[in-house]
Amino acid sequence: MIILAATPIGNLGDASRRLVEALTEASVVAAEDTRTTQRLLAALGIDNRPRLIALHDHNEKQRAAEIVELARGVDVLVLSDAGMPTVSDPGYGLVAEAAAQGVTVTAIPGPSAVLTALAVSGLPTDRFTFEGFLPRKQGERRSVFRALSAEQRTMVFFEAPTRVAASLADMADGFGADRRAAVCRELTKLHEEVARGTLAELAAWAEAGARGELVIVVAGAQAREVAFPDAVTQVLEIVRDGGRLKDAAAEVSAHTGHSSRELYQAALAVRN
């Protein structure tokens, strides 16, 4: 059996009783960083010394089949550095392989930066989408925001402190400066902070520097219909930013509902 176990995202007191029991009894642990797992065992006062197998982004494809085969005879506990494995962390490939091979997968629930940030953001929580880490390059980020510009669900993103100001500024351009958002910093830790405001306000706030682990929560778009001429304008803007016309038409079609073929033809006519 494969057991996915959530670990604390900051506060060690959030380690569940089930997690402590699993770590105490585990004979094999597949860990994103074996050193982090060793520190966790020490911090929790656990004397058990299981076999540790490194399972990270760079080796998961190669090791998944091996670990699944091992899990046929012994329980394998899977840990990421913080939070639930598979959520922007290694584990998805392993679970997919286990499912394909008919090996049981279960989970020990626990801390989640995504759900914690969503809960404290002050933004709607009934429907949301998790978008993971943002691209490093500005052009790729802006493309993501264009694709999500009409998304009506609350959106949750991960971002590095060194890029958060630039990303918030790009969000203000892509979603609108007045769109409500929250930046959640150092969740569950001593210096936890939640900054709320418009994207423009938060971009200015981040210019002073924001340290630690960060989660950005952004309100969804208000329901509205995009007129066909406006949709064509969006296609042309994407093309001006370097996008291919066919791809731009498909992207705008996805969030406006207008025909990709008609958008393509209309944009082509304008360009000619």
Protein backbone atom coordinates (compact mmCIF):
# COMPACT_ATOMS: atom_id res chain seq x y z
CA MET A 1 0.00 0.00 0.00
CA ILE A 2 1.05 3.58 -0.67
CA ILE A 3 0.17 6.12 2.03
CA LEU A 4 0.25 9.83 1.17
CA ALA A 5 0.78 11.82 4.37
CA ALA A 6 0.38 15.55 4.86
CA THR A 7 3.11 17.21 6.93
CA PRO A 8 3.05 20.61 8.70
CA ILE A 9 3.40 23.65 6.44
CA GLY A 10 5.05 25.64 9.21
CA ASN A 11 3.72 24.95 12.70
CA LEU A 12 4.98 21.63 14.02
CA GLY A 13 1.92 21.42 16.27
CA ASP A 14 -0.18 20.72 13.18
CA ALA A 15 1.31 17.24 12.85
CA SER A 16 -1.65 14.90 13.27
CA ARG A 17 -1.74 11.91 15.57
CA ARG A 18 -2.10 9.67 12.53
CA LEU A 19 1.03 11.19 10.97
CA VAL A 20 3.04 10.61 14.15
CA GLU A 21 1.80 7.01 14.35
CA ALA A 22 2.62 6.41 10.68
CA LEU A 23 6.13 7.82 11.07
CA THR A 24 6.67 5.74 14.21
CA GLU A 25 5.66 2.52 12.47
CA ALA A 26 6.95 3.13 8.93
CA SER A 27 9.61 0.82 7.55
CA VAL A 28 9.88 2.65 4.20
CA VAL A 29 9.42 6.37 3.51
CA ALA A 30 9.56 7.95 0.05
CA ALA A 31 10.44 11.59 0.72
CA GLU A 32 10.82 14.71 -1.40
CA ASP A 33 13.93 15.54 0.65
CA THR A 34 15.25 12.84 2.97
CA ARG A 35 17.06 15.45 5.08
CA THR A 36 13.78 17.27 5.73
CA THR A 37 12.20 13.97 6.79
CA GLN A 38 15.07 13.25 9.17
CA ARG A 39 14.61 16.68 10.75
CA LEU A 40 10.87 16.08 11.06
CA LEU A 41 11.46 12.75 12.84
CA ALA A 42 13.86 14.44 15.24
CA ALA A 43 11.52 17.39 15.87
CA LEU A 44 8.64 15.05 16.68
CA GLY A 45 10.82 12.96 18.97
CA ILE A 46 10.43 9.81 16.89
CA ASP A 47 13.22 7.27 17.27
CA ASN A 48 12.17 5.14 14.29
CA ARG A 49 14.71 5.08 11.46
CA PRO A 50 12.89 3.86 8.35
CA ARG A 51 14.49 3.23 5.00
CA LEU A 52 14.40 6.57 3.18
CA ILE A 53 13.94 6.76 -0.58
CA ALA A 54 14.34 10.09 -2.38
CA LEU A 55 11.29 10.88 -4.53
CA HIS A 56 11.44 14.29 -6.15
CA ASP A 57 10.64 16.03 -9.43
CA HIS A 58 13.86 14.92 -11.08
CA ASN A 59 13.60 11.18 -10.41
CA GLU A 60 9.88 10.40 -9.95
CA LYS A 61 9.43 8.99 -13.47
CA GLN A 62 12.36 6.63 -12.96
CA ARG A 63 11.51 5.54 -9.43
CA ALA A 64 7.71 5.29 -9.54
CA ALA A 65 7.57 1.71 -10.87
CA GLU A 66 10.21 0.58 -8.36
CA ILE A 67 8.35 2.08 -5.41
CA VAL A 68 4.99 0.71 -6.57
CA GLU A 69 6.49 -2.77 -6.81
CA LEU A 70 7.93 -2.36 -3.32
CA ALA A 71 4.47 -1.29 -2.06
CA ARG A 72 3.06 -4.68 -3.02
CA GLY A 73 4.82 -6.19 -0.03
CA VAL A 74 5.22 -3.33 2.45
CA ASP A 75 3.45 -0.04 3.20
CA VAL A 76 5.32 2.93 1.72
CA LEU A 77 4.75 6.28 3.41
CA VAL A 78 5.06 9.20 0.96
CA LEU A 79 5.99 12.68 2.23
CA SER A 80 6.63 16.05 0.63
CA ASP A 81 8.58 18.78 2.39
CA ALA A 82 5.35 20.46 3.54
CA GLY A 83 1.66 19.83 3.00
CA MET A 84 0.08 17.04 0.97
CA PRO A 85 2.16 15.12 -1.59
CA THR A 86 1.01 15.52 -5.22
CA VAL A 87 -0.24 19.11 -4.66
CA SER A 88 2.52 21.05 -6.51
CA ASP A 89 4.84 18.44 -5.03
CA PRO A 90 6.08 15.00 -6.13
CA GLY A 91 3.66 12.09 -5.89
CA TYR A 92 1.29 12.39 -8.84
CA GLY A 93 3.38 10.13 -11.07
CA LEU A 94 3.69 7.59 -8.29
CA VAL A 95 -0.06 7.55 -7.62
CA ALA A 96 -0.82 7.25 -11.33
CA GLU A 97 1.53 4.28 -11.61
CA ALA A 98 0.02 2.65 -8.51
CA ALA A 99 -3.49 3.09 -9.88
CA ALA A 100 -2.43 1.56 -13.20
CA GLN A 101 -0.86 -1.40 -11.40
CA GLY A 102 -3.78 -1.95 -9.03
CA VAL A 103 -1.83 -1.05 -5.89
CA THR A 104 -3.89 0.56 -3.10
CA VAL A 105 -3.33 4.25 -2.40
CA THR A 106 -4.67 5.97 0.70
CA ALA A 107 -4.00 9.27 2.47
CA ILE A 108 -3.47 10.78 5.89
CA PRO A 109 -5.05 14.26 5.50
CA GLY A 110 -3.59 17.31 7.12
CA PRO A 111 -2.20 20.79 6.54
CA SER A 112 -2.66 22.43 3.13
CA ALA A 113 -1.36 25.85 2.13
CA VAL A 114 -3.98 26.04 -0.62
CA LEU A 115 -6.99 25.50 1.64
CA THR A 116 -5.56 27.54 4.53
CA ALA A 117 -4.94 30.56 2.29
CA LEU A 118 -8.37 30.24 0.70
CA ALA A 119 -10.05 30.07 4.11
CA VAL A 120 -8.38 33.22 5.49
CA SER A 121 -8.43 35.26 2.28
CA GLY A 122 -11.87 36.76 2.79
CA LEU A 123 -12.76 35.84 -0.80
CA PRO A 124 -15.50 33.44 -1.98
CA THR A 125 -14.73 29.83 -1.12
CA ASP A 126 -17.69 27.99 -2.65
CA ARG A 127 -15.90 27.47 -5.97
CA PHE A 128 -12.16 27.80 -6.55
CA THR A 129 -9.33 26.68 -8.79
CA PHE A 130 -5.72 25.96 -7.82
CA GLU A 131 -3.24 27.12 -10.46
CA GLY A 132 0.03 26.09 -8.78
CA PHE A 133 3.30 27.97 -9.23
CA LEU A 134 3.36 30.84 -11.69
CA PRO A 135 5.79 30.83 -14.64
CA ARG A 136 9.09 32.61 -14.07
CA LYS A 137 9.01 34.52 -17.37
CA GLN A 138 6.78 37.57 -17.63
CA GLY A 139 5.46 36.73 -21.08
CA GLU A 140 4.36 33.27 -19.94
CA ARG A 141 2.75 34.72 -16.80
CA ARG A 142 0.78 37.23 -18.83
CA SER A 143 -0.40 34.46 -21.12
CA VAL A 144 -1.67 32.55 -18.08
CA PHE A 145 -3.53 35.60 -16.80
CA ARG A 146 -5.11 36.26 -20.20
CA ALA A 147 -6.36 32.69 -20.30
CA LEU A 148 -7.84 33.11 -16.80
CA SER A 149 -9.21 36.62 -17.27
CA ALA A 150 -12.83 35.41 -17.46
CA GLU A 151 -12.48 32.70 -14.78
CA GLN A 152 -15.33 33.21 -12.31
CA ARG A 153 -13.99 30.95 -9.57
CA THR A 154 -11.60 32.21 -6.88
CA MET A 155 -8.04 31.44 -7.99
CA VAL A 156 -5.13 30.28 -5.81
CA PHE A 157 -1.50 30.64 -6.91
CA PHE A 158 1.92 29.88 -5.41
CA GLU A 159 4.70 32.42 -5.99
CA ALA A 160 8.28 33.02 -4.88
CA PRO A 161 8.97 36.14 -2.77
CA THR A 162 11.47 37.44 -5.34
CA ARG A 163 8.80 37.56 -8.06
CA VAL A 164 5.63 38.36 -6.13
CA ALA A 165 5.68 42.12 -6.83
CA ALA A 166 6.12 41.57 -10.58
CA SER A 167 3.44 38.88 -10.64
CA LEU A 168 0.93 41.05 -8.79
CA ALA A 169 1.60 43.90 -11.23
CA ASP A 170 1.03 41.51 -14.15
CA MET A 171 -2.18 40.31 -12.48
CA ALA A 172 -3.37 43.90 -12.15
CA ASP A 173 -2.82 44.32 -15.89
CA GLY A 174 -4.41 41.00 -16.80
CA PHE A 175 -7.33 40.87 -14.37
CA GLY A 176 -7.87 44.57 -13.71
CA ALA A 177 -6.33 46.82 -11.09
CA ASP A 178 -9.50 46.78 -8.95
CA ARG A 179 -9.81 42.98 -8.71
CA ARG A 180 -9.85 41.88 -5.05
CA ALA A 181 -7.06 39.61 -3.82
CA ALA A 182 -5.09 38.48 -0.79
CA VAL A 183 -1.44 37.61 -0.28
CA CYS A 184 -0.95 35.06 2.50
CA ARG A 185 2.57 34.94 3.91
CA GLU A 186 4.20 32.43 6.28
CA LEU A 187 0.93 30.61 7.02
CA THR A 188 0.78 28.92 10.46
CA LYS A 189 4.19 30.37 11.34
CA LEU A 190 5.21 33.01 13.89
CA HIS A 191 5.15 35.86 11.39
CA GLU A 192 1.98 34.89 9.56
CA GLU A 193 0.48 37.79 7.62
CA VAL A 194 -2.51 38.20 5.31
CA ALA A 195 -2.54 41.33 3.15
CA ARG A 196 -5.89 42.06 1.48
CA GLY A 197 -6.84 44.68 -1.09
CA THR A 198 -7.03 45.30 -4.80
CA LEU A 199 -4.35 43.89 -7.08
CA ALA A 200 -3.02 47.41 -7.61
CA GLU A 201 -2.78 47.98 -3.85
CA LEU A 202 -1.11 44.63 -3.25
CA ALA A 203 1.38 45.18 -6.08
CA ALA A 204 2.41 48.45 -4.40
CA TRP A 205 2.55 46.70 -1.00
CA ALA A 206 4.84 43.99 -2.39
CA GLU A 207 7.31 46.53 -3.79
CA ALA A 208 8.73 46.93 -0.27
CA GLY A 209 9.61 43.23 -0.28
CA ALA A 210 7.74 40.18 0.94
CA ARG A 211 9.63 37.31 2.53
CA GLY A 212 8.78 33.70 3.24
CA GLU A 213 6.34 31.24 1.72
CA LEU A 214 3.61 33.02 -0.25
CA VAL A 215 0.15 32.13 -1.54
CA ILE A 216 -1.83 34.56 -3.69
CA VAL A 217 -5.64 34.30 -3.73
CA VAL A 218 -7.53 36.26 -6.40
CA ALA A 219 -11.27 36.82 -6.72
CA GLY A 220 -12.91 35.43 -9.83
CA ALA A 221 -14.23 37.60 -12.63
CA GLN A 222 -17.75 38.94 -12.50
CA ALA A 223 -20.07 37.10 -14.86
CA ARG A 224 -20.29 39.02 -18.08
CA GLU A 225 -20.56 38.47 -21.80
CA VAL A 226 -17.68 39.54 -24.00
CA ALA A 227 -18.86 41.16 -27.21
CA PHE A 228 -17.45 39.65 -30.41
CA PRO A 229 -15.50 42.81 -31.42
CA ASP A 230 -13.91 42.91 -27.96
CA ALA A 231 -12.98 39.24 -28.28
CA VAL A 232 -11.32 39.95 -31.63
CA THR A 233 -9.38 42.77 -29.97
CA GLN A 234 -8.16 40.30 -27.33
CA VAL A 235 -6.95 37.97 -30.09
CA LEU A 236 -5.02 40.80 -31.74
CA GLU A 237 -3.45 41.82 -28.42
CA ILE A 238 -2.16 38.29 -27.88
CA VAL A 239 -0.72 38.26 -31.40
CA ARG A 240 0.98 41.61 -30.79
CA ASP A 241 2.61 40.06 -27.71
CA GLY A 242 4.10 37.36 -29.90
CA GLY A 243 1.40 34.69 -29.92
CA ARG A 244 0.37 32.72 -33.00
CA LEU A 245 -2.97 33.80 -34.47
CA LYS A 246 -4.44 30.29 -34.40
CA ASP A 247 -3.42 29.77 -30.77
CA ALA A 248 -4.68 33.24 -29.79
CA ALA A 249 -8.09 32.56 -31.36
CA ALA A 250 -8.36 29.25 -29.50
CA GLU A 251 -7.34 30.86 -26.20
CA VAL A 252 -9.90 33.68 -26.46
CA SER A 253 -12.56 31.26 -27.66
CA ALA A 254 -12.06 29.16 -24.52
CA HIS A 255 -13.03 31.99 -22.16
CA THR A 256 -15.53 33.94 -24.27
CA GLY A 257 -17.51 31.17 -25.95
CA HIS A 258 -17.10 32.71 -29.40
CA SER A 259 -16.15 30.42 -32.28
CA SER A 260 -12.40 29.98 -32.62
CA ARG A 261 -12.78 29.81 -36.41
CA GLU A 262 -14.79 33.05 -36.56
CA LEU A 263 -12.34 34.83 -34.25
CA TYR A 264 -9.45 33.66 -36.42
CA GLN A 265 -11.09 34.87 -39.61
CA ALA A 266 -12.11 38.23 -38.13
CA ALA A 267 -8.63 38.89 -36.69
CA LEU A 268 -7.04 37.84 -39.97
CA ALA A 269 -9.26 40.30 -41.86
CA VAL A 270 -8.24 43.13 -39.52
CA ARG A 271 -4.55 42.32 -39.91
CA ASN A 272 -4.85 42.27 -43.69
